[in-house]
Amino acid sequence: MTLFGSDGFDGLLLLSFGGPEGSEQVMPFLENVTRGRGIPPERLAAVAEHYLHFGGVSPINGINRDLIAAIEAELARREMHMPVFFGNRNWEPYIEDAVAQMRDNGIRRAAVFSTSAWGGYSGCTQYQEDITRGRASAGPGAPELTKLRQYFDHPLLVEMFADAIREAAATLPEAVRGGARLVFTAHSIPLRAAARCGPDLYERQVGYTSALVAAAAGYREYDQVWQSRSGPPQVPWLEPDVGDHLAALVRSGTEAVIVCPVGFVADHIEVAWDLDNELAQQAADAGIAFARASTPNAQPRFAQLVLGLVDELRFDLPAARVVAVGAVPGYGCSINGQLCTPACSS
């Protein structure tokens, strides 16, 4: 086994959103997520039902642990030694505890991989704020933490989603498979937030990834929609909503649909409830064939993507050698939570 060089990283932190792992944790978790946002209790209770439908357990923590195992297996395959740690923003294991554990294990400089491929405040900057908070909590001995870049246009991400679309299409009845409409969906955000880190950065990145994936999967036509909006109805969010769009497809005579949750790297609660439960039921009630493409979850290729991002910094690769296919802006890494684009702090 070989250690990473002294000018490289001696640890990796997987940083994620977090989720409850028991019914008694659901409301405290939701209160963590929405603290300071003035969300009424009845709205939290409604969202809590989504988690309680699955026994109060969000899939996200389990998927992340499986991804860590896949990363560790890939490190072993490469005969490299780099301990992998796990921290969350909103639930155990919290990032503060993860950074303290890294400090106590003698980690000096670690890469941080976040489970969001995107730019924008909630997809990137808020994770940088998590890094700052975690280091402050750990104190003077906290390791240096370098957030890895956004990876919405990484060829392996495109490849995993394209393969998932083909696998989903194969589950449709043969008679309607050829005419199935491909629909990409991502988490909606308020329009005000969408403009926060540059003109529609998140929306353009999602749209560009959808175009790359559709082409890789062999589809010339597709739709881009949004899901999982919350908040008061008078606040405008990215539209159209996936449910409204499905209803429009039914009215137009579409007989089959393939939904690809391109905005999510794991099959967590917004995918499991909003798509596999509500949208699938809507499709069944309307008599339209429905297939949902999987997300990367804990595939070995996802682990390879993670370590590829680490290598880009570890070997200080020039921009021309960075593994990406994007023409839409994606900002680079940040050290110790320093913002990669000042607009995101405004």
Protein backbone atom coordinates (compact mmCIF):
# COMPACT_ATOMS: atom_id res chain seq x y z
CA MET A 1 0.00 0.00 0.00
CA THR A 2 1.25 3.50 -0.80
CA LEU A 3 0.46 6.74 0.97
CA PHE A 4 -0.54 9.85 -0.90
CA GLY A 5 2.37 12.27 -1.25
CA SER A 6 3.14 14.83 1.41
CA ASP A 7 1.85 17.55 -0.90
CA GLY A 8 -1.38 15.62 -1.54
CA PHE A 9 -4.24 14.47 0.69
CA ASP A 10 -4.13 12.13 3.66
CA GLY A 11 -7.90 11.83 4.05
CA LEU A 12 -11.22 12.09 2.22
CA LEU A 13 -14.48 13.42 3.65
CA LEU A 14 -17.81 12.50 2.06
CA LEU A 15 -20.10 15.41 2.90
CA SER A 16 -23.85 15.02 2.46
CA PHE A 17 -27.26 16.34 3.43
CA GLY A 18 -28.23 13.73 6.01
CA GLY A 19 -31.47 11.95 6.79
CA PRO A 20 -33.33 10.24 9.63
CA GLU A 21 -32.82 6.56 10.37
CA GLY A 22 -35.84 5.97 12.59
CA SER A 23 -39.35 7.34 13.05
CA GLU A 24 -38.38 9.17 16.25
CA GLN A 25 -35.72 11.10 14.29
CA VAL A 26 -37.98 12.42 11.53
CA MET A 27 -39.32 15.60 13.14
CA PRO A 28 -36.01 16.61 14.76
CA PHE A 29 -34.33 16.13 11.38
CA LEU A 30 -36.92 18.25 9.57
CA GLU A 31 -36.61 20.94 12.21
CA ASN A 32 -32.85 20.98 11.58
CA VAL A 33 -33.37 21.33 7.84
CA THR A 34 -35.90 24.16 8.10
CA ARG A 35 -34.61 26.04 11.15
CA GLY A 36 -34.96 29.81 10.70
CA ARG A 37 -37.11 29.52 7.58
CA GLY A 38 -40.51 29.96 9.23
CA ILE A 39 -41.98 26.71 7.90
CA PRO A 40 -45.35 26.07 9.61
CA PRO A 41 -45.66 22.91 11.73
CA GLU A 42 -48.41 21.51 9.53
CA ARG A 43 -46.08 21.59 6.53
CA LEU A 44 -43.40 19.73 8.49
CA ALA A 45 -45.99 17.15 9.55
CA ALA A 46 -46.97 16.60 5.91
CA VAL A 47 -43.37 16.08 4.85
CA ALA A 48 -42.81 13.80 7.83
CA GLU A 49 -45.41 11.43 6.39
CA HIS A 50 -43.15 10.88 3.38
CA TYR A 51 -40.41 9.55 5.67
CA LEU A 52 -42.82 7.61 7.89
CA HIS A 53 -44.10 5.83 4.77
CA PHE A 54 -40.66 4.21 4.69
CA GLY A 55 -40.51 3.50 8.42
CA GLY A 56 -38.89 6.85 9.18
CA VAL A 57 -35.69 5.84 7.38
CA SER A 58 -34.25 7.96 4.59
CA PRO A 59 -32.22 5.89 2.10
CA ILE A 60 -29.50 8.54 1.86
CA ASN A 61 -27.26 7.55 4.79
CA GLY A 62 -27.24 3.89 3.80
CA ILE A 63 -26.42 4.74 0.19
CA ASN A 64 -23.60 7.02 1.32
CA ARG A 65 -22.13 4.28 3.51
CA ASP A 66 -22.26 1.93 0.52
CA LEU A 67 -20.54 4.57 -1.61
CA ILE A 68 -17.81 4.94 1.01
CA ALA A 69 -17.34 1.15 0.90
CA ALA A 70 -17.06 1.37 -2.90
CA ILE A 71 -14.48 4.17 -2.61
CA GLU A 72 -12.49 2.12 -0.11
CA ALA A 73 -12.61 -0.87 -2.46
CA GLU A 74 -11.34 1.30 -5.33
CA LEU A 75 -8.54 2.64 -3.13
CA ALA A 76 -7.56 -0.93 -2.24
CA ARG A 77 -7.60 -1.88 -5.90
CA ARG A 78 -5.19 0.98 -6.59
CA GLU A 79 -3.06 -0.05 -3.58
CA MET A 80 -3.52 3.38 -2.05
CA HIS A 81 -4.16 4.24 1.57
CA MET A 82 -6.48 7.14 2.36
CA PRO A 83 -9.04 6.91 5.20
CA VAL A 84 -12.56 7.99 4.25
CA PHE A 85 -14.77 9.88 6.71
CA PHE A 86 -18.50 10.65 6.62
CA GLY A 87 -20.24 13.85 7.70
CA ASN A 88 -23.67 15.42 7.19
CA ARG A 89 -25.16 18.88 7.39
CA ASN A 90 -28.49 18.02 8.99
CA TRP A 91 -28.19 14.72 10.84
CA GLU A 92 -25.79 12.23 12.35
CA PRO A 93 -22.99 11.80 11.63
CA TYR A 94 -22.67 15.60 11.69
CA ILE A 95 -19.79 17.28 9.89
CA GLU A 96 -18.59 18.75 13.19
CA ASP A 97 -18.11 15.24 14.55
CA ALA A 98 -16.48 14.05 11.33
CA VAL A 99 -13.91 16.86 11.31
CA ALA A 100 -13.15 16.27 15.00
CA GLN A 101 -12.61 12.58 14.22
CA MET A 102 -10.26 13.52 11.39
CA ARG A 103 -8.32 15.83 13.71
CA ASP A 104 -8.01 13.10 16.33
CA ASN A 105 -6.78 10.67 13.67
CA GLY A 106 -3.98 13.02 12.66
CA ILE A 107 -5.42 14.04 9.30
CA ARG A 108 -3.65 17.18 8.07
CA ARG A 109 -5.13 17.82 4.62
CA ALA A 110 -8.28 16.22 3.26
CA ALA A 111 -10.36 16.39 0.11
CA VAL A 112 -14.10 16.93 0.51
CA PHE A 113 -16.55 15.27 -1.87
CA SER A 114 -20.11 16.59 -1.61
CA THR A 115 -23.10 14.58 -2.82
CA SER A 116 -24.25 17.39 -5.09
CA ALA A 117 -22.97 17.74 -8.63
CA TRP A 118 -24.16 21.31 -9.03
CA GLY A 119 -23.30 24.94 -8.54
CA GLY A 120 -25.52 27.44 -6.77
CA TYR A 121 -26.03 28.12 -3.10
CA SER A 122 -27.68 24.91 -1.88
CA GLY A 123 -25.72 22.69 -4.26
CA CYS A 124 -22.26 24.09 -3.60
CA THR A 125 -21.84 27.16 -1.40
CA GLN A 126 -23.80 25.77 1.52
CA TYR A 127 -21.44 22.79 1.61
CA GLN A 128 -18.55 25.24 1.76
CA GLU A 129 -20.25 26.84 4.76
CA ASP A 130 -20.53 23.37 6.31
CA ILE A 131 -16.77 22.97 5.90
CA THR A 132 -16.12 26.29 7.63
CA ARG A 133 -18.45 25.36 10.50
CA GLY A 134 -16.88 21.92 10.90
CA ARG A 135 -13.35 23.31 11.08
CA ALA A 136 -14.36 26.03 13.53
CA SER A 137 -15.93 23.41 15.78
CA ALA A 138 -12.80 21.23 15.65
CA GLY A 139 -10.58 24.12 16.71
CA PRO A 140 -6.91 24.92 15.99
CA GLY A 141 -5.99 21.31 15.13
CA ALA A 142 -8.60 21.03 12.38
CA PRO A 143 -7.28 19.64 9.09
CA GLU A 144 -7.15 21.74 5.96
CA LEU A 145 -10.22 20.83 3.89
CA THR A 146 -10.40 21.28 0.12
CA LYS A 147 -13.80 20.92 -1.54
CA LEU A 148 -13.67 19.06 -4.83
CA ARG A 149 -15.14 20.70 -7.91
CA GLN A 150 -18.64 20.44 -9.28
CA TYR A 151 -19.00 17.35 -11.45
CA PHE A 152 -22.27 17.80 -13.33
CA ASP A 153 -20.47 17.31 -16.65
CA HIS A 154 -18.17 14.44 -15.70
CA PRO A 155 -18.20 11.71 -18.39
CA LEU A 156 -18.76 8.97 -15.80
CA LEU A 157 -21.83 10.75 -14.42
CA VAL A 158 -23.21 11.09 -17.95
CA GLU A 159 -22.42 7.44 -18.64
CA MET A 160 -24.14 6.17 -15.48
CA PHE A 161 -27.34 8.09 -16.18
CA ALA A 162 -27.36 7.07 -19.86
CA ASP A 163 -27.01 3.40 -18.91
CA ALA A 164 -29.80 3.81 -16.34
CA ILE A 165 -32.12 5.23 -18.99
CA ARG A 166 -31.48 2.29 -21.30
CA GLU A 167 -32.11 -0.13 -18.43
CA ALA A 168 -35.35 1.65 -17.50
CA ALA A 169 -36.55 1.66 -21.11
CA ALA A 170 -36.06 -2.10 -21.28
CA THR A 171 -38.67 -2.53 -18.52
CA LEU A 172 -41.43 -0.86 -20.57
CA PRO A 173 -43.87 -2.94 -22.64
CA GLU A 174 -42.32 -3.52 -26.04
CA ALA A 175 -45.36 -2.12 -27.85
CA VAL A 176 -44.86 1.38 -26.38
CA ARG A 177 -41.13 1.36 -25.69
CA GLY A 178 -40.11 3.01 -28.95
CA GLY A 179 -42.41 5.98 -28.42
CA ALA A 180 -41.60 6.56 -24.75
CA ARG A 181 -41.00 10.19 -23.82
CA LEU A 182 -37.78 10.87 -21.91
CA VAL A 183 -38.24 13.32 -19.04
CA PHE A 184 -35.39 14.67 -16.92
CA THR A 185 -36.17 16.02 -13.48
CA ALA A 186 -34.19 17.87 -10.82
CA HIS A 187 -35.01 19.52 -7.51
CA SER A 188 -36.79 22.80 -8.05
CA ILE A 189 -35.58 25.93 -6.27
CA PRO A 190 -37.03 29.45 -5.92
CA LEU A 191 -36.29 31.69 -8.90
CA ARG A 192 -34.57 34.13 -6.58
CA ALA A 193 -32.19 31.39 -5.46
CA ALA A 194 -31.65 30.25 -9.05
CA ALA A 195 -30.11 33.64 -9.90
CA ARG A 196 -27.98 33.87 -6.76
CA CYS A 197 -24.69 32.44 -8.06
CA GLY A 198 -24.74 33.95 -11.52
CA PRO A 199 -27.44 34.05 -14.18
CA ASP A 200 -29.38 30.80 -13.83
CA LEU A 201 -26.21 28.77 -13.20
CA TYR A 202 -27.96 25.78 -11.62
CA GLU A 203 -30.69 25.69 -14.26
CA ARG A 204 -28.14 25.85 -17.10
CA GLN A 205 -25.97 23.16 -15.57
CA VAL A 206 -28.93 20.81 -15.13
CA GLY A 207 -30.09 21.52 -18.68
CA TYR A 208 -26.65 20.89 -20.09
CA THR A 209 -26.26 17.59 -18.25
CA SER A 210 -29.68 16.48 -19.48
CA ALA A 211 -28.60 17.22 -23.05
CA LEU A 212 -25.38 15.24 -22.61
CA VAL A 213 -27.19 12.28 -21.05
CA ALA A 214 -29.97 12.24 -23.66
CA ALA A 215 -27.42 12.19 -26.48
CA ALA A 216 -25.42 9.43 -24.80
CA ALA A 217 -28.58 7.36 -24.34
CA GLY A 218 -29.61 7.85 -27.97
CA TYR A 219 -32.55 10.25 -27.53
CA ARG A 220 -32.92 13.28 -29.78
CA GLU A 221 -35.95 14.65 -27.95
CA TYR A 222 -36.56 14.98 -24.24
CA ASP A 223 -38.12 17.27 -21.64
CA GLN A 224 -36.59 19.09 -18.67
CA VAL A 225 -38.84 19.53 -15.63
CA TRP A 226 -38.57 20.06 -11.88
CA GLN A 227 -39.85 18.43 -8.72
CA SER A 228 -40.12 18.55 -4.92
CA ARG A 229 -40.90 22.26 -4.58
CA SER A 230 -42.00 23.51 -1.19
CA GLY A 231 -42.78 26.83 0.45
CA PRO A 232 -45.66 29.26 -0.06
CA PRO A 233 -47.40 29.09 -3.46
CA GLN A 234 -46.91 32.82 -4.08
CA VAL A 235 -43.12 32.36 -4.27
CA PRO A 236 -42.13 31.45 -7.87
CA TRP A 237 -40.00 28.33 -8.31
CA LEU A 238 -38.48 26.64 -11.35
CA GLU A 239 -41.22 25.07 -13.49
CA PRO A 240 -42.82 23.01 -14.97
CA ASP A 241 -43.49 20.58 -12.14
CA VAL A 242 -43.02 16.93 -13.06
CA GLY A 243 -46.57 16.02 -12.06
CA ASP A 244 -48.07 18.82 -14.14
CA HIS A 245 -45.88 17.79 -17.06
CA LEU A 246 -46.93 14.16 -16.82
CA ALA A 247 -50.57 15.25 -16.93
CA ALA A 248 -49.81 17.28 -20.07
CA LEU A 249 -48.12 14.27 -21.69
CA VAL A 250 -51.17 12.14 -20.96
CA ARG A 251 -53.44 14.76 -22.56
CA SER A 252 -51.21 14.79 -25.65
CA GLY A 253 -51.61 11.02 -26.10
CA THR A 254 -48.19 9.88 -24.84
CA GLU A 255 -48.36 6.19 -23.94
CA ALA A 256 -45.07 5.70 -22.07
CA VAL A 257 -42.62 7.84 -20.14
CA ILE A 258 -39.09 7.34 -18.82
CA VAL A 259 -38.26 9.65 -15.93
CA CYS A 260 -34.59 10.27 -15.18
CA PRO A 261 -33.86 12.10 -11.88
CA VAL A 262 -30.71 13.69 -13.28
CA GLY A 263 -30.58 16.22 -10.46
CA PHE A 264 -29.96 13.55 -7.82
CA VAL A 265 -26.90 11.36 -7.33
CA ALA A 266 -28.77 8.94 -5.04
CA ASP A 267 -32.24 7.42 -4.72
CA HIS A 268 -33.07 9.35 -1.57
CA ILE A 269 -36.45 10.48 -0.26
CA GLU A 270 -37.32 12.97 -3.01
CA VAL A 271 -36.80 10.21 -5.55
CA ALA A 272 -38.39 7.40 -3.54
CA TRP A 273 -41.50 9.38 -2.54
CA ASP A 274 -42.04 11.97 -5.27
CA LEU A 275 -41.25 9.70 -8.21
CA ASP A 276 -41.54 6.05 -7.18
CA ASN A 277 -44.66 6.69 -5.12
CA GLU A 278 -46.62 9.77 -6.20
CA LEU A 279 -45.61 10.06 -9.85
CA ALA A 280 -45.76 6.31 -10.48
CA GLN A 281 -49.28 6.26 -9.03
CA GLN A 282 -50.29 9.23 -11.18
CA ALA A 283 -49.04 7.38 -14.25
CA ALA A 284 -50.86 4.19 -13.28
CA ASP A 285 -54.12 6.09 -12.71
CA ALA A 286 -53.75 7.71 -16.13
CA GLY A 287 -52.96 4.40 -17.86
CA ILE A 288 -49.50 5.47 -19.07
CA ALA A 289 -46.51 3.10 -18.92
CA PHE A 290 -43.90 4.42 -16.48
CA ALA A 291 -40.23 3.66 -15.92
CA ARG A 292 -37.84 5.48 -13.60
CA ALA A 293 -34.10 5.50 -14.29
CA SER A 294 -31.84 4.85 -11.33
CA THR A 295 -29.27 7.31 -10.00
CA PRO A 296 -25.55 6.55 -9.52
CA ASN A 297 -26.02 5.55 -5.85
CA ALA A 298 -22.95 3.49 -4.88
CA GLN A 299 -21.80 2.15 -8.24
CA PRO A 300 -18.09 1.40 -8.64
CA ARG A 301 -18.04 4.00 -11.41
CA PHE A 302 -19.21 6.62 -8.94
CA ALA A 303 -16.33 5.71 -6.65
CA GLN A 304 -13.98 6.06 -9.64
CA LEU A 305 -15.46 9.50 -10.34
CA VAL A 306 -14.80 10.59 -6.75
CA LEU A 307 -11.17 9.51 -6.79
CA GLY A 308 -10.72 11.03 -10.22
CA LEU A 309 -11.71 14.40 -8.80
CA VAL A 310 -9.18 13.88 -6.00
CA ASP A 311 -6.49 13.07 -8.57
CA GLU A 312 -7.18 16.31 -10.45
CA LEU A 313 -6.02 18.25 -7.39
CA ARG A 314 -3.50 15.75 -6.11
CA PHE A 315 -1.54 15.92 -9.35
CA ASP A 316 -2.41 19.59 -9.95
CA LEU A 317 -3.67 18.82 -13.44
CA PRO A 318 -3.95 21.75 -15.86
CA ALA A 319 -7.48 22.75 -16.85
CA ALA A 320 -7.07 21.14 -20.27
CA ARG A 321 -6.68 17.72 -18.63
CA VAL A 322 -9.59 17.97 -16.21
CA VAL A 323 -12.09 15.21 -16.99
CA ALA A 324 -15.21 17.06 -18.10
CA VAL A 325 -17.25 17.58 -21.21
CA GLY A 326 -19.01 20.78 -20.19
CA ALA A 327 -19.30 24.16 -21.87
CA VAL A 328 -21.41 25.55 -19.03
CA PRO A 329 -19.52 27.20 -16.14
CA GLY A 330 -18.58 25.03 -13.20
CA TYR A 331 -16.45 26.46 -10.46
CA GLY A 332 -13.44 24.76 -8.98
CA CYS A 333 -12.46 23.68 -5.50
CA SER A 334 -12.29 25.80 -2.39
CA ILE A 335 -9.90 25.60 0.54
CA ASN A 336 -11.35 25.65 4.05
CA GLY A 337 -14.73 26.89 2.88
CA GLN A 338 -13.57 29.96 0.96
CA LEU A 339 -16.19 30.72 -1.67
CA CYS A 340 -15.25 29.79 -5.23
CA THR A 341 -17.53 32.48 -6.64
CA PRO A 342 -18.21 35.63 -4.59
CA ALA A 343 -21.71 36.01 -6.06
CA CYS A 344 -22.89 33.03 -4.03
CA SER A 345 -22.30 34.90 -0.77
CA SER A 346 -24.54 37.83 -1.69
